[in-house]
Protein backbone atom coordinates (compact mmCIF):
# COMPACT_ATOMS: atom_id res chain seq x y z
CA MET A 1 9.76 33.70 1.03
CA LYS A 2 7.25 35.15 -1.33
CA ASN A 3 7.70 32.18 -3.78
CA VAL A 4 7.13 29.70 -0.92
CA ARG A 5 3.83 31.36 0.11
CA SER A 6 2.71 31.37 -3.57
CA ARG A 7 3.48 27.63 -3.93
CA LEU A 8 1.84 26.93 -0.66
CA LYS A 9 -1.32 28.80 -1.61
CA ARG A 10 -1.46 26.97 -5.01
CA GLY A 11 -1.09 23.58 -3.23
CA LEU A 12 -3.80 24.25 -0.70
CA THR A 13 -6.07 25.53 -3.42
CA LEU A 14 -5.44 22.27 -5.51
CA MET A 15 -6.15 20.12 -2.39
CA ALA A 16 -9.42 21.90 -1.72
CA VAL A 17 -10.52 21.50 -5.35
CA LEU A 18 -9.71 17.86 -5.17
CA MET A 19 -11.44 17.25 -1.81
CA GLY A 20 -14.45 19.06 -3.30
CA LEU A 21 -14.48 16.72 -6.35
CA TRP A 22 -14.12 13.64 -4.08
CA PHE A 23 -16.98 14.91 -1.97
CA PHE A 24 -19.25 15.36 -5.02
CA VAL A 25 -18.32 12.06 -6.60
CA SER A 26 -18.54 9.97 -3.29
CA PHE A 27 -21.73 11.48 -1.74
CA CYS A 28 -23.65 12.93 -4.53
CA GLY A 29 -22.77 10.66 -7.42
CA GLY A 30 -24.15 7.47 -5.73
CA PRO A 31 -27.64 8.82 -4.99
CA LEU A 32 -27.72 10.67 -8.39
CA LEU A 33 -27.07 7.25 -10.14
CA MET A 34 -29.62 5.50 -7.87
CA PHE A 35 -32.48 8.04 -8.48
CA ALA A 36 -31.75 9.32 -11.99
CA GLY A 37 -30.55 6.11 -13.41
CA CYS A 38 -27.39 5.19 -15.03
CA PRO A 39 -26.50 4.37 -18.62
CA LYS A 40 -27.00 0.76 -19.68
CA TRP A 41 -23.32 0.55 -20.49
CA LEU A 42 -22.27 1.40 -16.86
CA GLU A 43 -21.70 -1.51 -14.53
CA VAL A 44 -22.92 -0.63 -11.13
CA PRO A 45 -21.26 -2.20 -7.97
CA TRP A 46 -22.54 -5.40 -6.53
CA SER A 47 -24.21 -4.36 -3.35
CA ALA A 48 -27.03 -6.40 -1.64
CA PHE A 49 -26.65 -9.15 -4.20
CA GLY A 50 -29.91 -10.96 -4.29
CA ASP A 51 -30.38 -13.62 -6.81
CA PHE A 52 -28.92 -14.80 -10.17
CA VAL A 53 -29.88 -17.00 -13.12
CA GLU A 54 -28.23 -18.30 -16.21
CA THR A 55 -30.15 -18.42 -19.48
CA PRO A 56 -29.67 -21.27 -21.95
CA ASP A 57 -27.46 -19.10 -24.28
CA GLY A 58 -24.97 -18.70 -21.26
CA ARG A 59 -25.99 -15.00 -20.24
CA VAL A 60 -25.93 -14.49 -16.49
CA TYR A 61 -28.33 -11.97 -14.89
CA VAL A 62 -27.61 -10.90 -11.37
CA GLU A 63 -30.03 -8.94 -9.14
CA ALA A 64 -28.30 -6.04 -7.25
CA GLY A 65 -30.94 -4.92 -4.77
CA PHE A 66 -29.60 -1.61 -3.38
CA TYR A 67 -29.53 -0.21 -6.79
CA SER A 68 -32.72 -1.76 -7.98
CA ARG A 69 -30.89 -3.20 -11.05
CA ILE A 70 -30.41 -6.36 -12.82
CA LEU A 71 -27.00 -6.77 -14.32
CA CYS A 72 -26.27 -8.87 -17.53
CA TYR A 73 -23.07 -10.70 -18.26
CA ASP A 74 -22.24 -12.89 -21.26
CA LYS A 75 -21.03 -16.39 -20.91
CA ASN A 76 -17.37 -15.21 -20.69
CA GLY A 77 -18.17 -12.81 -17.81
CA LYS A 78 -18.19 -9.60 -19.88
CA PHE A 79 -20.60 -7.05 -18.74
CA ILE A 80 -23.30 -6.25 -21.26
CA ALA A 81 -26.02 -4.06 -19.62
CA ASN A 82 -27.97 -3.21 -16.62
CA TYR A 83 -31.82 -3.02 -16.34
CA ARG A 84 -33.87 -1.09 -13.88
CA TYR A 85 -36.83 -2.38 -11.89
CA PRO A 86 -39.01 -0.49 -9.36
CA SER A 87 -37.27 0.54 -6.11
CA ASN A 88 -40.10 -0.25 -3.74
CA VAL A 89 -40.18 -3.86 -4.32
CA LYS A 90 -38.96 -6.61 -1.93
CA ASP A 91 -38.03 -10.19 -2.00
CA THR A 92 -36.99 -10.45 -5.68
CA LYS A 93 -36.31 -13.73 -7.49
CA LEU A 94 -35.07 -14.33 -10.97
CA ALA A 95 -35.80 -17.42 -13.35
CA ALA A 96 -35.30 -18.33 -16.97
CA SER A 97 -37.14 -20.52 -19.25
CA LYS A 98 -35.70 -22.99 -21.80
CA THR A 99 -36.34 -20.42 -24.50
CA GLY A 100 -34.21 -17.80 -22.81
CA LEU A 101 -37.12 -15.70 -21.42
CA LEU A 102 -36.19 -13.93 -18.19
CA PHE A 103 -38.86 -14.00 -15.21
CA PHE A 104 -38.73 -11.52 -12.45
CA ARG A 105 -40.83 -12.15 -9.24
CA THR A 106 -41.31 -9.86 -6.41
CA LYS A 107 -43.51 -8.75 -3.52
CA ASN A 108 -45.28 -5.34 -3.33
């Protein structure tokens, strides 16, 4: 009986730790990435997809509005980097020139 209690207590402790970790990652990780910024190698999820543009060299830039990010992919669809822009802007649009220069238009 003592062995069963010990195993039950260990199992409940493990479950509490996993739930705490899940809570932190789910509810604290998102806002932390949004406000503190994330590394350029980390691809953020596509949420509130706004606009996209392809440059002459085949790179595709996608604007992910909720995270205030522009995601960059190569011509094969491989993620390259993400770039931050101000979070208080609205109505964003992307464009690319023939030379590959990227333009970003916004209100505010």
